[in-house]
Amino acid sequence: MSGPWLASFPATLPEVSLTPLANGGSGSVVTCCELQWWFAVPRVGDRFGGAWYDRDTGEVTRVRAPAVPIVDTGMGDGTVQIDIDEWTREPGTDDPPAYQRITLVAALTADRAEFRKVIIGDHSTQLGDSEFAAEWSVPPDQLER
């Protein structure tokens, strides 16, 4: 298995281990800022990527890579546009990966991270759509604090 979609990631899950550099004690807190359902805080100019692996076979099942660096939408409200190329495949097959483009418009507000618009392939949904509220937003009273 090879191709440009694996340019930045191994085709099989590598062995990973973590070694603590210091004992933070029981009062240590780690804060990880991330956009809900996403693994990064959207900052203008950032490039990022990720790979997902099947735990049973170790084979890569999904790769997400930036199509372009994150850009400001120019709307003056702090929103950014994130364009992602995504490839997915079934482990254990020789089928080529399926490709789709994902475009997210997102913002970080004072009390939450939120998506404003999502385009996956030919399907688009945005704030105000009933489908969007059900799939892409979390009411503030349901957020973990």
N, C-alpha and C. Protein backbone atom coordinates (compact mmCIF):
# COMPACT_ATOMS: atom_id res chain seq x y z
N MET A 1 0.85 -1.17 0.00
CA MET A 1 0.00 0.00 0.00
C MET A 1 0.89 1.24 0.00
N SER A 2 0.66 2.13 -0.94
CA SER A 2 1.44 3.36 -1.01
C SER A 2 0.62 4.40 -1.75
N GLY A 3 1.17 5.55 -1.90
CA GLY A 3 0.52 6.62 -2.63
C GLY A 3 0.74 7.94 -1.94
N PRO A 4 0.40 9.02 -2.64
CA PRO A 4 0.62 10.35 -2.06
C PRO A 4 -0.18 10.58 -0.78
N TRP A 5 -1.26 9.84 -0.60
CA TRP A 5 -2.08 10.02 0.60
C TRP A 5 -1.35 9.54 1.84
N LEU A 6 -0.31 8.74 1.70
CA LEU A 6 0.48 8.28 2.84
C LEU A 6 1.82 8.99 2.94
N ALA A 7 1.99 10.08 2.25
CA ALA A 7 3.29 10.75 2.20
C ALA A 7 3.84 11.11 3.58
N SER A 8 2.97 11.45 4.52
CA SER A 8 3.44 11.90 5.84
C SER A 8 3.21 10.88 6.95
N PHE A 9 2.66 9.72 6.64
CA PHE A 9 2.30 8.77 7.68
C PHE A 9 2.72 7.35 7.32
N PRO A 10 3.05 6.52 8.33
CA PRO A 10 3.38 5.12 8.04
C PRO A 10 2.13 4.34 7.65
N ALA A 11 2.29 3.32 6.81
CA ALA A 11 1.16 2.51 6.34
C ALA A 11 0.62 1.60 7.44
N THR A 12 1.44 1.30 8.45
CA THR A 12 0.98 0.48 9.57
C THR A 12 1.29 1.20 10.88
N LEU A 13 0.49 0.91 11.88
CA LEU A 13 0.60 1.57 13.17
C LEU A 13 1.96 1.30 13.80
N PRO A 14 2.74 2.35 14.06
CA PRO A 14 4.05 2.14 14.68
C PRO A 14 3.90 1.89 16.17
N GLU A 15 4.91 1.29 16.76
CA GLU A 15 4.94 1.11 18.20
C GLU A 15 5.14 2.49 18.83
N VAL A 16 4.33 2.81 19.82
CA VAL A 16 4.41 4.11 20.47
C VAL A 16 4.55 3.91 21.97
N SER A 17 5.47 4.64 22.58
CA SER A 17 5.59 4.62 24.03
C SER A 17 5.87 6.02 24.52
N LEU A 18 5.44 6.31 25.73
CA LEU A 18 5.65 7.62 26.33
C LEU A 18 6.46 7.46 27.59
N THR A 19 7.42 8.32 27.76
CA THR A 19 8.24 8.33 28.97
C THR A 19 8.08 9.68 29.64
N PRO A 20 7.51 9.70 30.86
CA PRO A 20 7.34 10.99 31.55
C PRO A 20 8.70 11.63 31.83
N LEU A 21 8.78 12.94 31.63
CA LEU A 21 10.01 13.65 31.91
C LEU A 21 10.08 14.08 33.37
N ALA A 22 8.91 14.24 34.00
CA ALA A 22 8.87 14.64 35.40
C ALA A 22 7.53 14.22 35.99
N ASN A 23 7.48 14.08 37.30
CA ASN A 23 6.24 13.74 37.98
C ASN A 23 5.54 15.04 38.31
N GLY A 24 4.37 15.25 37.70
CA GLY A 24 3.63 16.48 37.92
C GLY A 24 2.87 16.51 39.22
N GLY A 25 2.77 15.40 39.92
CA GLY A 25 2.02 15.36 41.16
C GLY A 25 0.54 15.25 40.92
N SER A 26 -0.20 15.03 41.96
CA SER A 26 -1.64 14.78 41.82
C SER A 26 -2.41 16.04 41.46
N GLY A 27 -1.83 17.22 41.67
CA GLY A 27 -2.54 18.45 41.37
C GLY A 27 -2.30 18.97 39.97
N SER A 28 -1.58 18.24 39.14
CA SER A 28 -1.27 18.70 37.79
C SER A 28 -2.51 18.69 36.91
N VAL A 29 -2.61 19.66 36.07
CA VAL A 29 -3.72 19.78 35.13
C VAL A 29 -3.15 19.98 33.74
N VAL A 30 -3.70 19.28 32.78
CA VAL A 30 -3.32 19.47 31.39
C VAL A 30 -4.52 20.04 30.66
N THR A 31 -4.34 21.15 30.00
CA THR A 31 -5.41 21.77 29.23
C THR A 31 -5.11 21.55 27.76
N CYS A 32 -6.03 20.92 27.06
CA CYS A 32 -5.87 20.68 25.64
C CYS A 32 -6.97 21.43 24.91
N CYS A 33 -6.61 22.53 24.29
CA CYS A 33 -7.59 23.30 23.52
C CYS A 33 -7.81 22.59 22.20
N GLU A 34 -9.06 22.27 21.90
CA GLU A 34 -9.36 21.67 20.61
C GLU A 34 -10.78 21.98 20.23
N LEU A 35 -11.02 22.02 18.96
CA LEU A 35 -12.35 22.25 18.42
C LEU A 35 -13.15 20.98 18.58
N GLN A 36 -14.40 21.08 19.03
CA GLN A 36 -15.19 19.86 19.23
C GLN A 36 -15.16 18.99 17.98
N TRP A 37 -14.98 17.71 18.17
CA TRP A 37 -14.89 16.71 17.11
C TRP A 37 -13.68 16.91 16.21
N TRP A 38 -12.72 17.69 16.64
CA TRP A 38 -11.53 17.92 15.85
C TRP A 38 -10.35 17.94 16.79
N PHE A 39 -9.16 17.75 16.30
CA PHE A 39 -8.01 17.58 17.17
C PHE A 39 -7.09 18.80 17.23
N ALA A 40 -7.54 19.93 16.78
CA ALA A 40 -6.66 21.10 16.76
C ALA A 40 -7.46 22.37 16.99
N VAL A 41 -6.79 23.38 17.49
CA VAL A 41 -7.38 24.70 17.56
C VAL A 41 -7.09 25.39 16.23
N PRO A 42 -8.10 25.88 15.55
CA PRO A 42 -7.88 26.45 14.21
C PRO A 42 -7.21 27.82 14.27
N ARG A 43 -5.95 27.87 13.90
CA ARG A 43 -5.19 29.12 13.87
C ARG A 43 -4.77 29.41 12.43
N VAL A 44 -4.92 30.66 12.02
CA VAL A 44 -4.57 31.06 10.65
C VAL A 44 -3.13 30.66 10.34
N GLY A 45 -2.94 30.05 9.18
CA GLY A 45 -1.63 29.66 8.70
C GLY A 45 -1.20 28.26 9.11
N ASP A 46 -1.91 27.65 10.07
CA ASP A 46 -1.54 26.30 10.52
C ASP A 46 -1.70 25.28 9.42
N ARG A 47 -0.83 24.28 9.47
CA ARG A 47 -0.95 23.06 8.65
C ARG A 47 -0.95 21.92 9.65
N PHE A 48 -1.70 20.91 9.40
CA PHE A 48 -1.85 19.81 10.35
C PHE A 48 -2.22 18.57 9.57
N GLY A 49 -2.27 17.47 10.23
CA GLY A 49 -2.71 16.24 9.58
C GLY A 49 -2.87 15.17 10.63
N GLY A 50 -3.47 14.09 10.23
CA GLY A 50 -3.66 12.99 11.15
C GLY A 50 -3.91 11.69 10.40
N ALA A 51 -3.59 10.60 11.06
CA ALA A 51 -3.84 9.27 10.49
C ALA A 51 -4.51 8.42 11.56
N TRP A 52 -5.44 7.59 11.16
CA TRP A 52 -6.16 6.67 12.04
C TRP A 52 -5.84 5.25 11.60
N TYR A 53 -5.71 4.36 12.56
CA TYR A 53 -5.30 2.99 12.27
C TYR A 53 -6.29 2.00 12.87
N ASP A 54 -6.46 0.86 12.20
CA ASP A 54 -7.24 -0.25 12.71
C ASP A 54 -6.42 -0.95 13.80
N ARG A 55 -6.96 -1.07 14.99
CA ARG A 55 -6.20 -1.64 16.11
C ARG A 55 -5.91 -3.13 15.90
N ASP A 56 -6.81 -3.85 15.23
CA ASP A 56 -6.60 -5.29 15.03
C ASP A 56 -5.51 -5.59 14.01
N THR A 57 -5.53 -4.86 12.89
CA THR A 57 -4.59 -5.15 11.80
C THR A 57 -3.39 -4.20 11.78
N GLY A 58 -3.52 -3.05 12.42
CA GLY A 58 -2.47 -2.04 12.37
C GLY A 58 -2.44 -1.25 11.08
N GLU A 59 -3.36 -1.53 10.16
CA GLU A 59 -3.39 -0.84 8.88
C GLU A 59 -4.02 0.55 9.00
N VAL A 60 -3.51 1.48 8.21
CA VAL A 60 -4.08 2.81 8.19
C VAL A 60 -5.49 2.73 7.59
N THR A 61 -6.45 3.45 8.21
CA THR A 61 -7.83 3.44 7.72
C THR A 61 -8.30 4.83 7.27
N ARG A 62 -7.65 5.87 7.77
CA ARG A 62 -8.04 7.24 7.39
C ARG A 62 -6.82 8.13 7.49
N VAL A 63 -6.70 9.05 6.53
CA VAL A 63 -5.68 10.08 6.56
C VAL A 63 -6.36 11.40 6.26
N ARG A 64 -6.08 12.39 7.11
CA ARG A 64 -6.55 13.75 6.85
C ARG A 64 -5.33 14.65 6.78
N ALA A 65 -5.30 15.46 5.73
CA ALA A 65 -4.18 16.37 5.51
C ALA A 65 -4.73 17.70 5.04
N PRO A 66 -4.02 18.78 5.33
CA PRO A 66 -4.51 20.09 4.89
C PRO A 66 -4.41 20.23 3.38
N ALA A 67 -5.46 20.73 2.77
CA ALA A 67 -5.40 21.04 1.35
C ALA A 67 -4.59 22.32 1.16
N VAL A 68 -4.77 23.25 2.08
CA VAL A 68 -4.05 24.52 2.13
C VAL A 68 -3.94 24.92 3.59
N PRO A 69 -3.04 25.84 3.95
CA PRO A 69 -3.01 26.30 5.34
C PRO A 69 -4.35 26.95 5.72
N ILE A 70 -4.67 26.93 7.01
CA ILE A 70 -5.91 27.54 7.50
C ILE A 70 -5.90 29.03 7.18
N VAL A 71 -7.05 29.55 6.72
CA VAL A 71 -7.15 30.97 6.36
C VAL A 71 -8.27 31.65 7.12
N ASP A 72 -8.10 32.94 7.37
CA ASP A 72 -9.14 33.77 7.98
C ASP A 72 -10.24 33.95 6.93
N THR A 73 -11.50 33.88 7.35
CA THR A 73 -12.59 34.03 6.40
C THR A 73 -12.77 35.47 5.95
N GLY A 74 -12.18 36.42 6.68
CA GLY A 74 -12.33 37.83 6.31
C GLY A 74 -13.65 38.42 6.75
N MET A 75 -14.42 37.68 7.56
CA MET A 75 -15.72 38.16 8.00
C MET A 75 -15.61 39.05 9.24
N GLY A 76 -14.40 39.15 9.81
CA GLY A 76 -14.19 40.02 10.97
C GLY A 76 -14.68 39.47 12.29
N ASP A 77 -15.07 38.17 12.30
CA ASP A 77 -15.60 37.59 13.54
C ASP A 77 -14.71 36.48 14.09
N GLY A 78 -13.48 36.39 13.59
CA GLY A 78 -12.54 35.40 14.09
C GLY A 78 -12.72 34.01 13.51
N THR A 79 -13.59 33.86 12.53
CA THR A 79 -13.78 32.54 11.93
C THR A 79 -12.65 32.23 10.96
N VAL A 80 -12.35 30.95 10.87
CA VAL A 80 -11.33 30.48 9.95
C VAL A 80 -11.91 29.40 9.05
N GLN A 81 -11.30 29.21 7.90
CA GLN A 81 -11.69 28.14 6.99
C GLN A 81 -10.60 27.09 6.98
N ILE A 82 -11.02 25.84 7.17
CA ILE A 82 -10.10 24.71 7.20
C ILE A 82 -10.48 23.79 6.05
N ASP A 83 -9.59 23.66 5.07
CA ASP A 83 -9.84 22.77 3.92
C ASP A 83 -8.99 21.52 4.09
N ILE A 84 -9.65 20.37 4.10
CA ILE A 84 -9.00 19.11 4.40
C ILE A 84 -9.20 18.13 3.26
N ASP A 85 -8.15 17.42 2.89
CA ASP A 85 -8.25 16.27 2.00
C ASP A 85 -8.31 15.04 2.90
N GLU A 86 -9.30 14.18 2.67
CA GLU A 86 -9.44 12.97 3.49
C GLU A 86 -9.50 11.74 2.60
N TRP A 87 -8.75 10.71 3.00
CA TRP A 87 -8.76 9.42 2.33
C TRP A 87 -9.15 8.37 3.37
N THR A 88 -10.08 7.49 3.02
CA THR A 88 -10.47 6.40 3.92
C THR A 88 -10.40 5.07 3.16
N ARG A 89 -10.12 4.01 3.91
CA ARG A 89 -10.04 2.68 3.29
C ARG A 89 -10.43 1.63 4.30
N GLU A 90 -10.90 0.50 3.80
CA GLU A 90 -11.22 -0.67 4.61
C GLU A 90 -9.96 -1.47 4.84
N PRO A 91 -9.63 -1.77 6.10
CA PRO A 91 -8.44 -2.60 6.32
C PRO A 91 -8.66 -4.00 5.76
N GLY A 92 -7.57 -4.63 5.35
CA GLY A 92 -7.64 -6.00 4.84
C GLY A 92 -8.03 -6.10 3.38
N THR A 93 -8.17 -4.96 2.71
CA THR A 93 -8.52 -4.99 1.28
C THR A 93 -7.40 -4.33 0.48
N ASP A 94 -7.40 -4.57 -0.81
CA ASP A 94 -6.45 -3.91 -1.70
C ASP A 94 -7.11 -2.75 -2.44
N ASP A 95 -8.36 -2.44 -2.05
CA ASP A 95 -9.08 -1.35 -2.69
C ASP A 95 -8.36 -0.02 -2.47
N PRO A 96 -8.35 0.83 -3.48
CA PRO A 96 -7.73 2.14 -3.28
C PRO A 96 -8.57 2.95 -2.28
N PRO A 97 -7.96 3.90 -1.61
CA PRO A 97 -8.72 4.69 -0.64
C PRO A 97 -9.74 5.60 -1.32
N ALA A 98 -10.85 5.83 -0.63
CA ALA A 98 -11.86 6.77 -1.12
C ALA A 98 -11.44 8.17 -0.69
N TYR A 99 -11.60 9.13 -1.58
CA TYR A 99 -11.18 10.51 -1.32
C TYR A 99 -12.39 11.41 -1.18
N GLN A 100 -12.28 12.40 -0.28
CA GLN A 100 -13.26 13.47 -0.24
C GLN A 100 -12.62 14.74 0.31
N ARG A 101 -13.15 15.88 -0.10
CA ARG A 101 -12.71 17.18 0.42
C ARG A 101 -13.69 17.58 1.52
N ILE A 102 -13.16 18.08 2.63
CA ILE A 102 -13.96 18.58 3.74
C ILE A 102 -13.57 20.03 3.96
N THR A 103 -14.56 20.90 4.03
CA THR A 103 -14.31 22.31 4.34
C THR A 103 -15.09 22.66 5.60
N LEU A 104 -14.39 23.21 6.57
CA LEU A 104 -14.99 23.60 7.84
C LEU A 104 -14.79 25.10 8.02
N VAL A 105 -15.83 25.79 8.43
CA VAL A 105 -15.69 27.16 8.89
C VAL A 105 -15.95 27.09 10.39
N ALA A 106 -14.98 27.55 11.18
CA ALA A 106 -15.06 27.37 12.62
C ALA A 106 -14.55 28.59 13.36
N ALA A 107 -14.96 28.69 14.63
CA ALA A 107 -14.52 29.79 15.48
C ALA A 107 -14.38 29.33 16.91
N LEU A 108 -13.52 30.00 17.63
CA LEU A 108 -13.42 29.80 19.07
C LEU A 108 -14.07 31.00 19.72
N THR A 109 -15.06 30.77 20.57
CA THR A 109 -15.70 31.85 21.29
C THR A 109 -15.22 31.82 22.74
N ALA A 110 -15.72 32.73 23.55
CA ALA A 110 -15.26 32.82 24.94
C ALA A 110 -15.57 31.55 25.73
N ASP A 111 -16.68 30.87 25.42
CA ASP A 111 -17.05 29.72 26.24
C ASP A 111 -17.07 28.39 25.50
N ARG A 112 -16.74 28.37 24.22
CA ARG A 112 -16.78 27.11 23.49
C ARG A 112 -16.09 27.21 22.14
N ALA A 113 -15.83 26.06 21.59
CA ALA A 113 -15.35 25.97 20.22
C ALA A 113 -16.56 25.57 19.38
N GLU A 114 -16.69 26.13 18.21
CA GLU A 114 -17.86 25.79 17.41
C GLU A 114 -17.61 25.82 15.92
N PHE A 115 -18.34 24.96 15.23
CA PHE A 115 -18.36 24.99 13.77
C PHE A 115 -19.46 25.94 13.35
N ARG A 116 -19.25 26.63 12.25
CA ARG A 116 -20.27 27.52 11.69
C ARG A 116 -20.84 26.95 10.40
N LYS A 117 -19.99 26.23 9.64
CA LYS A 117 -20.41 25.66 8.36
C LYS A 117 -19.54 24.45 8.08
N VAL A 118 -20.14 23.40 7.50
CA VAL A 118 -19.41 22.19 7.16
C VAL A 118 -19.82 21.77 5.75
N ILE A 119 -18.82 21.52 4.90
CA ILE A 119 -19.08 20.99 3.56
C ILE A 119 -18.27 19.71 3.44
N ILE A 120 -18.97 18.60 3.22
CA ILE A 120 -18.32 17.31 3.02
C ILE A 120 -18.77 16.80 1.65
N GLY A 121 -17.83 16.75 0.72
CA GLY A 121 -18.18 16.36 -0.65
C GLY A 121 -19.16 17.37 -1.22
N ASP A 122 -20.32 16.89 -1.66
CA ASP A 122 -21.34 17.76 -2.25
C ASP A 122 -22.38 18.21 -1.22
N HIS A 123 -22.22 17.80 0.05
CA HIS A 123 -23.21 18.12 1.08
C HIS A 123 -22.74 19.29 1.94
N SER A 124 -23.61 20.29 2.11
CA SER A 124 -23.27 21.45 2.91
C SER A 124 -24.33 21.67 3.97
N THR A 125 -23.90 22.04 5.18
CA THR A 125 -24.83 22.41 6.24
C THR A 125 -24.18 23.52 7.05
N GLN A 126 -25.00 24.38 7.66
CA GLN A 126 -24.46 25.51 8.40
C GLN A 126 -25.35 25.88 9.57
N LEU A 127 -24.86 26.81 10.41
CA LEU A 127 -25.64 27.28 11.54
C LEU A 127 -27.02 27.69 11.06
N GLY A 128 -28.04 27.33 11.83
CA GLY A 128 -29.41 27.65 11.46
C GLY A 128 -30.14 26.47 10.84
N ASP A 129 -29.41 25.52 10.26
CA ASP A 129 -30.03 24.31 9.71
C ASP A 129 -30.33 23.36 10.86
N SER A 130 -31.51 22.72 10.85
CA SER A 130 -31.83 21.78 11.93
C SER A 130 -30.86 20.60 11.93
N GLU A 131 -30.46 20.15 10.75
CA GLU A 131 -29.50 19.06 10.64
C GLU A 131 -28.16 19.46 11.25
N PHE A 132 -27.74 20.70 11.04
CA PHE A 132 -26.47 21.17 11.57
C PHE A 132 -26.50 21.15 13.10
N ALA A 133 -27.56 21.65 13.68
CA ALA A 133 -27.66 21.68 15.14
C ALA A 133 -27.58 20.28 15.73
N ALA A 134 -28.20 19.31 15.08
CA ALA A 134 -28.21 17.95 15.59
C ALA A 134 -26.86 17.27 15.45
N GLU A 135 -26.09 17.58 14.41
CA GLU A 135 -24.86 16.86 14.13
C GLU A 135 -23.57 17.59 14.46
N TRP A 136 -23.58 18.93 14.45
CA TRP A 136 -22.32 19.65 14.53
C TRP A 136 -22.20 20.64 15.67
N SER A 137 -23.23 20.83 16.47
CA SER A 137 -23.10 21.78 17.57
C SER A 137 -23.51 21.13 18.88
N VAL A 138 -22.93 21.62 19.95
CA VAL A 138 -23.24 21.14 21.28
C VAL A 138 -23.80 22.33 22.06
N PRO A 139 -25.01 22.20 22.63
CA PRO A 139 -25.55 23.31 23.42
C PRO A 139 -24.62 23.62 24.59
N PRO A 140 -24.46 24.91 24.93
CA PRO A 140 -23.55 25.28 26.02
C PRO A 140 -23.80 24.55 27.33
N ASP A 141 -25.04 24.19 27.63
CA ASP A 141 -25.32 23.50 28.90
C ASP A 141 -24.85 22.04 28.89
N GLN A 142 -24.43 21.51 27.72
CA GLN A 142 -23.95 20.15 27.64
C GLN A 142 -22.43 20.05 27.53
N LEU A 143 -21.77 21.19 27.54
CA LEU A 143 -20.32 21.20 27.46
C LEU A 143 -19.71 20.82 28.79
N GLU A 144 -18.62 20.05 28.74
CA GLU A 144 -17.88 19.72 29.96
C GLU A 144 -17.11 20.96 30.38
N ARG A 145 -17.05 21.19 31.65
CA ARG A 145 -16.30 22.35 32.16
C ARG A 145 -15.19 21.87 33.04
